[in-house]
PDB file of N, CA and C in Angstrom:
ATOM      1  N   MET A   1       4.424  19.322 -21.671  1.00  0.00           N
ATOM      2  CA  MET A   1       5.472  19.661 -22.617  1.00  0.00           C
ATOM      3  C   MET A   1       4.953  19.631 -24.046  1.00  0.00           C
ATOM      4  N   GLU A   2       4.112  18.656 -24.330  1.00  0.00           N
ATOM      5  CA  GLU A   2       3.617  18.496 -25.696  1.00  0.00           C
ATOM      6  C   GLU A   2       2.766  19.692 -26.119  1.00  0.00           C
ATOM      7  N   ASN A   3       2.006  20.251 -25.185  1.00  0.00           N
ATOM      8  CA  ASN A   3       1.165  21.407 -25.502  1.00  0.00           C
ATOM      9  C   ASN A   3       1.998  22.627 -25.862  1.00  0.00           C
ATOM     10  N   VAL A   4       3.092  22.830 -25.154  1.00  0.00           N
ATOM     11  CA  VAL A   4       3.969  23.959 -25.431  1.00  0.00           C
ATOM     12  C   VAL A   4       4.621  23.791 -26.801  1.00  0.00           C
ATOM     13  N   LEU A   5       5.081  22.589 -27.098  1.00  0.00           N
ATOM     14  CA  LEU A   5       5.702  22.317 -28.393  1.00  0.00           C
ATOM     15  C   LEU A   5       4.709  22.549 -29.521  1.00  0.00           C
ATOM     16  N   LYS A   6       3.481  22.089 -29.341  1.00  0.00           N
ATOM     17  CA  LYS A   6       2.455  22.274 -30.375  1.00  0.00           C
ATOM     18  C   LYS A   6       2.153  23.752 -30.573  1.00  0.00           C
ATOM     19  N   ALA A   7       2.112  24.517 -29.493  1.00  0.00           N
ATOM     20  CA  ALA A   7       1.853  25.957 -29.600  1.00  0.00           C
ATOM     21  C   ALA A   7       2.974  26.661 -30.359  1.00  0.00           C
ATOM     22  N   ILE A   8       4.204  26.301 -30.073  1.00  0.00           N
ATOM     23  CA  ILE A   8       5.344  26.918 -30.754  1.00  0.00           C
ATOM     24  C   ILE A   8       5.305  26.600 -32.243  1.00  0.00           C
ATOM     25  N   ILE A   9       5.157  25.332 -32.578  1.00  0.00           N
ATOM     26  CA  ILE A   9       5.170  24.909 -33.978  1.00  0.00           C
ATOM     27  C   ILE A   9       3.982  25.494 -34.734  1.00  0.00           C
ATOM     28  N   SER A  10       2.805  25.487 -34.130  1.00  0.00           N
ATOM     29  CA  SER A  10       1.603  25.981 -34.806  1.00  0.00           C
ATOM     30  C   SER A  10       1.698  27.460 -35.147  1.00  0.00           C
ATOM     31  N   ASN A  11       2.380  28.232 -34.313  1.00  0.00           N
ATOM     32  CA  ASN A  11       2.537  29.657 -34.588  1.00  0.00           C
ATOM     33  C   ASN A  11       3.579  29.939 -35.666  1.00  0.00           C
ATOM     34  N   LEU A  12       4.417  28.981 -35.970  1.00  0.00           N
ATOM     35  CA  LEU A  12       5.453  29.174 -36.988  1.00  0.00           C
ATOM     36  C   LEU A  12       4.982  28.827 -38.394  1.00  0.00           C
ATOM     37  N   VAL A  13       4.077  27.883 -38.510  1.00  0.00           N
ATOM     38  CA  VAL A  13       3.695  27.352 -39.824  1.00  0.00           C
ATOM     39  C   VAL A  13       2.458  28.044 -40.375  1.00  0.00           C
ATOM     40  N   GLU A  14       2.268  27.928 -41.693  1.00  0.00           N
ATOM     41  CA  GLU A  14       1.069  28.470 -42.330  1.00  0.00           C
ATOM     42  C   GLU A  14      -0.101  27.496 -42.213  1.00  0.00           C
ATOM     43  N   ASP A  15       0.173  26.202 -42.345  1.00  0.00           N
ATOM     44  CA  ASP A  15      -0.878  25.183 -42.287  1.00  0.00           C
ATOM     45  C   ASP A  15      -0.835  24.493 -40.925  1.00  0.00           C
ATOM     46  N   ALA A  16      -1.494  25.112 -39.944  1.00  0.00           N
ATOM     47  CA  ALA A  16      -1.453  24.585 -38.572  1.00  0.00           C
ATOM     48  C   ALA A  16      -2.198  23.256 -38.450  1.00  0.00           C
ATOM     49  N   ASN A  17      -3.107  22.964 -39.379  1.00  0.00           N
ATOM     50  CA  ASN A  17      -3.846  21.702 -39.329  1.00  0.00           C
ATOM     51  C   ASN A  17      -2.974  20.510 -39.701  1.00  0.00           C
ATOM     52  N   ALA A  18      -1.876  20.750 -40.398  1.00  0.00           N
ATOM     53  CA  ALA A  18      -0.999  19.662 -40.829  1.00  0.00           C
ATOM     54  C   ALA A  18       0.027  19.268 -39.762  1.00  0.00           C
ATOM     55  N   VAL A  19       0.046  19.976 -38.645  1.00  0.00           N
ATOM     56  CA  VAL A  19       1.026  19.697 -37.587  1.00  0.00           C
ATOM     57  C   VAL A  19       0.610  18.441 -36.826  1.00  0.00           C
ATOM     58  N   GLU A  20       1.531  17.475 -36.779  1.00  0.00           N
ATOM     59  CA  GLU A  20       1.310  16.248 -36.005  1.00  0.00           C
ATOM     60  C   GLU A  20       2.507  16.042 -35.093  1.00  0.00           C
ATOM     61  N   ILE A  21       2.230  15.794 -33.828  1.00  0.00           N
ATOM     62  CA  ILE A  21       3.300  15.552 -32.867  1.00  0.00           C
ATOM     63  C   ILE A  21       3.058  14.193 -32.233  1.00  0.00           C
ATOM     64  N   LYS A  22       4.043  13.320 -32.367  1.00  0.00           N
ATOM     65  CA  LYS A  22       3.960  11.980 -31.791  1.00  0.00           C
ATOM     66  C   LYS A  22       4.938  11.914 -30.615  1.00  0.00           C
ATOM     67  N   ARG A  23       4.444  11.514 -29.461  1.00  0.00           N
ATOM     68  CA  ARG A  23       5.282  11.416 -28.260  1.00  0.00           C
ATOM     69  C   ARG A  23       5.640   9.958 -28.018  1.00  0.00           C
ATOM     70  N   ILE A  24       6.934   9.698 -27.840  1.00  0.00           N
ATOM     71  CA  ILE A  24       7.423   8.359 -27.551  1.00  0.00           C
ATOM     72  C   ILE A  24       8.137   8.416 -26.203  1.00  0.00           C
ATOM     73  N   ASP A  25       7.578   7.721 -25.218  1.00  0.00           N
ATOM     74  CA  ASP A  25       8.140   7.730 -23.864  1.00  0.00           C
ATOM     75  C   ASP A  25       8.982   6.489 -23.624  1.00  0.00           C
ATOM     76  N   SER A  26      10.091   6.685 -22.962  1.00  0.00           N
ATOM     77  CA  SER A  26      10.858   5.581 -22.411  1.00  0.00           C
ATOM     78  C   SER A  26      11.124   5.936 -20.955  1.00  0.00           C
ATOM     79  N   GLU A  27      11.966   5.173 -20.292  1.00  0.00           N
ATOM     80  CA  GLU A  27      12.128   5.353 -18.847  1.00  0.00           C
ATOM     81  C   GLU A  27      12.574   6.767 -18.468  1.00  0.00           C
ATOM     82  N   LYS A  28      13.646   7.257 -19.087  1.00  0.00           N
ATOM     83  CA  LYS A  28      14.157   8.579 -18.740  1.00  0.00           C
ATOM     84  C   LYS A  28      14.187   9.532 -19.934  1.00  0.00           C
ATOM     85  N   THR A  29      13.701   9.103 -21.069  1.00  0.00           N
ATOM     86  CA  THR A  29      13.780   9.907 -22.280  1.00  0.00           C
ATOM     87  C   THR A  29      12.402  10.063 -22.908  1.00  0.00           C
ATOM     88  N   VAL A  30      12.154  11.260 -23.411  1.00  0.00           N
ATOM     89  CA  VAL A  30      10.935  11.536 -24.160  1.00  0.00           C
ATOM     90  C   VAL A  30      11.360  12.016 -25.539  1.00  0.00           C
ATOM     91  N   THR A  31      10.792  11.399 -26.581  1.00  0.00           N
ATOM     92  CA  THR A  31      11.091  11.788 -27.946  1.00  0.00           C
ATOM     93  C   THR A  31       9.824  12.315 -28.585  1.00  0.00           C
ATOM     94  N   PHE A  32       9.933  13.483 -29.201  1.00  0.00           N
ATOM     95  CA  PHE A  32       8.819  14.061 -29.935  1.00  0.00           C
ATOM     96  C   PHE A  32       9.156  14.024 -31.419  1.00  0.00           C
ATOM     97  N   GLU A  33       8.288  13.415 -32.211  1.00  0.00           N
ATOM     98  CA  GLU A  33       8.438  13.415 -33.656  1.00  0.00           C
ATOM     99  C   GLU A  33       7.442  14.419 -34.208  1.00  0.00           C
ATOM    100  N   VAL A  34       7.957  15.467 -34.819  1.00  0.00           N
ATOM    101  CA  VAL A  34       7.125  16.556 -35.320  1.00  0.00           C
ATOM    102  C   VAL A  34       7.016  16.439 -36.833  1.00  0.00           C
ATOM    103  N   LYS A  35       5.776  16.361 -37.328  1.00  0.00           N
ATOM    104  CA  LYS A  35       5.525  16.342 -38.767  1.00  0.00           C
ATOM    105  C   LYS A  35       4.771  17.608 -39.136  1.00  0.00           C
ATOM    106  N   VAL A  36       5.262  18.289 -40.152  1.00  0.00           N
ATOM    107  CA  VAL A  36       4.579  19.469 -40.683  1.00  0.00           C
ATOM    108  C   VAL A  36       4.460  19.306 -42.199  1.00  0.00           C
ATOM    109  N   ALA A  37       3.707  20.182 -42.825  1.00  0.00           N
ATOM    110  CA  ALA A  37       3.591  20.155 -44.276  1.00  0.00           C
ATOM    111  C   ALA A  37       4.958  20.420 -44.902  1.00  0.00           C
ATOM    112  N   ASP A  38       5.191  19.837 -46.073  1.00  0.00           N
ATOM    113  CA  ASP A  38       6.485  20.007 -46.737  1.00  0.00           C
ATOM    114  C   ASP A  38       6.828  21.474 -46.969  1.00  0.00           C
ATOM    115  N   SER A  39       5.828  22.278 -47.283  1.00  0.00           N
ATOM    116  CA  SER A  39       6.076  23.699 -47.546  1.00  0.00           C
ATOM    117  C   SER A  39       6.449  24.470 -46.278  1.00  0.00           C
ATOM    118  N   ASP A  40       6.129  23.934 -45.112  1.00  0.00           N
ATOM    119  CA  ASP A  40       6.427  24.607 -43.844  1.00  0.00           C
ATOM    120  C   ASP A  40       7.711  24.109 -43.171  1.00  0.00           C
ATOM    121  N   MET A  41       8.346  23.105 -43.728  1.00  0.00           N
ATOM    122  CA  MET A  41       9.534  22.535 -43.082  1.00  0.00           C
ATOM    123  C   MET A  41      10.646  23.572 -42.936  1.00  0.00           C
ATOM    124  N   GLY A  42      10.835  24.399 -43.932  1.00  0.00           N
ATOM    125  CA  GLY A  42      11.863  25.437 -43.860  1.00  0.00           C
ATOM    126  C   GLY A  42      11.579  26.457 -42.775  1.00  0.00           C
ATOM    127  N   ARG A  43      10.325  26.743 -42.544  1.00  0.00           N
ATOM    128  CA  ARG A  43       9.955  27.699 -41.493  1.00  0.00           C
ATOM    129  C   ARG A  43      10.276  27.149 -40.114  1.00  0.00           C
ATOM    130  N   VAL A  44      10.101  25.864 -39.939  1.00  0.00           N
ATOM    131  CA  VAL A  44      10.333  25.249 -38.627  1.00  0.00           C
ATOM    132  C   VAL A  44      11.832  25.089 -38.353  1.00  0.00           C
ATOM    133  N   ILE A  45      12.584  24.748 -39.368  1.00  0.00           N
ATOM    134  CA  ILE A  45      14.020  24.528 -39.183  1.00  0.00           C
ATOM    135  C   ILE A  45      14.771  25.855 -39.096  1.00  0.00           C
ATOM    136  N   GLY A  46      14.410  26.816 -39.916  1.00  0.00           N
ATOM    137  CA  GLY A  46      15.061  28.124 -39.884  1.00  0.00           C
ATOM    138  C   GLY A  46      16.384  28.115 -40.622  1.00  0.00           C
ATOM    139  N   LYS A  47      16.986  29.286 -40.700  1.00  0.00           N
ATOM    140  CA  LYS A  47      18.270  29.421 -41.403  1.00  0.00           C
ATOM    141  C   LYS A  47      19.358  28.714 -40.618  1.00  0.00           C
ATOM    142  N   GLN A  48      20.039  27.814 -41.290  1.00  0.00           N
ATOM    143  CA  GLN A  48      21.138  27.019 -40.721  1.00  0.00           C
ATOM    144  C   GLN A  48      20.702  26.245 -39.479  1.00  0.00           C
ATOM    145  N   GLY A  49      19.411  25.950 -39.370  1.00  0.00           N
ATOM    146  CA  GLY A  49      18.913  25.146 -38.263  1.00  0.00           C
ATOM    147  C   GLY A  49      18.797  25.870 -36.939  1.00  0.00           C
ATOM    148  N   ARG A  50      18.894  27.183 -36.972  1.00  0.00           N
ATOM    149  CA  ARG A  50      18.877  27.946 -35.713  1.00  0.00           C
ATOM    150  C   ARG A  50      17.550  27.848 -34.983  1.00  0.00           C
ATOM    151  N   LEU A  51      16.460  27.913 -35.721  1.00  0.00           N
ATOM    152  CA  LEU A  51      15.147  27.852 -35.089  1.00  0.00           C
ATOM    153  C   LEU A  51      14.891  26.476 -34.482  1.00  0.00           C
ATOM    154  N   ALA A  52      15.275  25.430 -35.195  1.00  0.00           N
ATOM    155  CA  ALA A  52      15.117  24.070 -34.673  1.00  0.00           C
ATOM    156  C   ALA A  52      15.950  23.893 -33.404  1.00  0.00           C
ATOM    157  N   LYS A  53      17.144  24.450 -33.405  1.00  0.00           N
ATOM    158  CA  LYS A  53      18.005  24.352 -32.232  1.00  0.00           C
ATOM    159  C   LYS A  53      17.400  25.091 -31.038  1.00  0.00           C
ATOM    160  N   SER A  54      16.779  26.230 -31.302  1.00  0.00           N
ATOM    161  CA  SER A  54      16.131  26.990 -30.236  1.00  0.00           C
ATOM    162  C   SER A  54      14.936  26.234 -29.657  1.00  0.00           C
ATOM    163  N   ILE A  55      14.163  25.591 -30.530  1.00  0.00           N
ATOM    164  CA  ILE A  55      13.022  24.802 -30.061  1.00  0.00           C
ATOM    165  C   ILE A  55      13.504  23.663 -29.179  1.00  0.00           C
ATOM    166  N   ARG A  56      14.578  23.005 -29.604  1.00  0.00           N
ATOM    167  CA  ARG A  56      15.134  21.905 -28.798  1.00  0.00           C
ATOM    168  C   ARG A  56      15.634  22.399 -27.448  1.00  0.00           C
ATOM    169  N   THR A  57      16.226  23.588 -27.413  1.00  0.00           N
ATOM    170  CA  THR A  57      16.734  24.155 -26.165  1.00  0.00           C
ATOM    171  C   THR A  57      15.600  24.434 -25.184  1.00  0.00           C
ATOM    172  N   VAL A  58      14.509  24.993 -25.681  1.00  0.00           N
ATOM    173  CA  VAL A  58      13.352  25.272 -24.827  1.00  0.00           C
ATOM    174  C   VAL A  58      12.786  23.972 -24.262  1.00  0.00           C
ATOM    175  N   MET A  59      12.684  22.958 -25.105  1.00  0.00           N
ATOM    176  CA  MET A  59      12.127  21.681 -24.663  1.00  0.00           C
ATOM    177  C   MET A  59      13.047  20.996 -23.651  1.00  0.00           C
ATOM    178  N   LYS A  60      14.350  21.117 -23.836  1.00  0.00           N
ATOM    179  CA  LYS A  60      15.283  20.530 -22.871  1.00  0.00           C
ATOM    180  C   LYS A  60      15.182  21.217 -21.522  1.00  0.00           C
ATOM    181  N   ALA A  61      14.973  22.531 -21.519  1.00  0.00           N
ATOM    182  CA  ALA A  61      14.822  23.263 -20.263  1.00  0.00           C
ATOM    183  C   ALA A  61      13.570  22.808 -19.524  1.00  0.00           C
ATOM    184  N   MET A  62      12.491  22.572 -20.271  1.00  0.00           N
ATOM    185  CA  MET A  62      11.257  22.088 -19.644  1.00  0.00           C
ATOM    186  C   MET A  62      11.426  20.669 -19.117  1.00  0.00           C
ATOM    187  N   ALA A  63      12.162  19.835 -19.828  1.00  0.00           N
ATOM    188  CA  ALA A  63      12.355  18.446 -19.425  1.00  0.00           C
ATOM    189  C   ALA A  63      13.229  18.338 -18.178  1.00  0.00           C
ATOM    190  N   ASN A  64      14.138  19.291 -17.994  1.00  0.00           N
ATOM    191  CA  ASN A  64      14.994  19.267 -16.811  1.00  0.00           C
ATOM    192  C   ASN A  64      14.186  19.358 -15.526  1.00  0.00           C
ATOM    193  N   LYS A  65      13.064  20.060 -15.569  1.00  0.00           N
ATOM    194  CA  LYS A  65      12.212  20.170 -14.382  1.00  0.00           C
ATOM    195  C   LYS A  65      11.633  18.817 -13.995  1.00  0.00           C
ATOM    196  N   GLU A  66      11.432  17.955 -14.979  1.00  0.00           N
ATOM    197  CA  GLU A  66      10.876  16.627 -14.728  1.00  0.00           C
ATOM    198  C   GLU A  66      11.966  15.554 -14.635  1.00  0.00           C
ATOM    199  N   HIS A  67      13.217  15.973 -14.655  1.00  0.00           N
ATOM    200  CA  HIS A  67      14.367  15.080 -14.580  1.00  0.00           C
ATOM    201  C   HIS A  67      14.351  14.040 -15.702  1.00  0.00           C
ATOM    202  N   LYS A  68      14.061  14.505 -16.898  1.00  0.00           N
ATOM    203  CA  LYS A  68      14.061  13.646 -18.078  1.00  0.00           C
ATOM    204  C   LYS A  68      14.894  14.283 -19.160  1.00  0.00           C
ATOM    205  N   LYS A  69      15.215  13.490 -20.176  1.00  0.00           N
ATOM    206  CA  LYS A  69      15.891  14.011 -21.352  1.00  0.00           C
ATOM    207  C   LYS A  69      14.887  14.016 -22.485  1.00  0.00           C
ATOM    208  N   VAL A  70      14.974  15.026 -23.330  1.00  0.00           N
ATOM    209  CA  VAL A  70      14.013  15.145 -24.416  1.00  0.00           C
ATOM    210  C   VAL A  70      14.751  15.288 -25.744  1.00  0.00           C
ATOM    211  N   THR A  71      14.152  14.703 -26.773  1.00  0.00           N
ATOM    212  CA  THR A  71      14.670  14.801 -28.126  1.00  0.00           C
ATOM    213  C   THR A  71      13.518  15.249 -29.021  1.00  0.00           C
ATOM    214  N   VAL A  72      13.795  16.210 -29.891  1.00  0.00           N
ATOM    215  CA  VAL A  72      12.793  16.670 -30.844  1.00  0.00           C
ATOM    216  C   VAL A  72      13.320  16.370 -32.239  1.00  0.00           C
ATOM    217  N   GLU A  73      12.557  15.580 -32.998  1.00  0.00           N
ATOM    218  CA  GLU A  73      12.937  15.213 -34.355  1.00  0.00           C
ATOM    219  C   GLU A  73      11.920  15.795 -35.319  1.00  0.00           C
ATOM    220  N   PHE A  74      12.411  16.432 -36.373  1.00  0.00           N
ATOM    221  CA  PHE A  74      11.545  17.003 -37.390  1.00  0.00           C
ATOM    222  C   PHE A  74      11.515  16.068 -38.593  1.00  0.00           C
ATOM    223  N   ILE A  75      10.318  15.587 -38.909  1.00  0.00           N
ATOM    224  CA  ILE A  75      10.157  14.602 -39.974  1.00  0.00           C
ATOM    225  C   ILE A  75       9.388  15.266 -41.122  1.00  0.00           C
ATOM    226  N   GLY A  76       9.937  15.161 -42.316  1.00  0.00           N
ATOM    227  CA  GLY A  76       9.317  15.807 -43.489  1.00  0.00           C
ATOM    228  C   GLY A  76       8.256  15.003 -44.133  1.00  0.00           C
TER     229      GLY A  76
END
């Protein structure tokens, strides 16, 4: 899951080297903390948060296959 998330985020931003993804596992939940450069935060979130919502939807669909819940947090 983390590889797919990194691929999606890296293709959206200008500074792909600044992308950091931290995975936090618990029993049934996986949390991804995504850090990007300040100048790229708007690109990742999108207008009215639509792009961020779409990224979360894709990740939730992938997590359903593993019977887990996933949360994606964007940290500036």
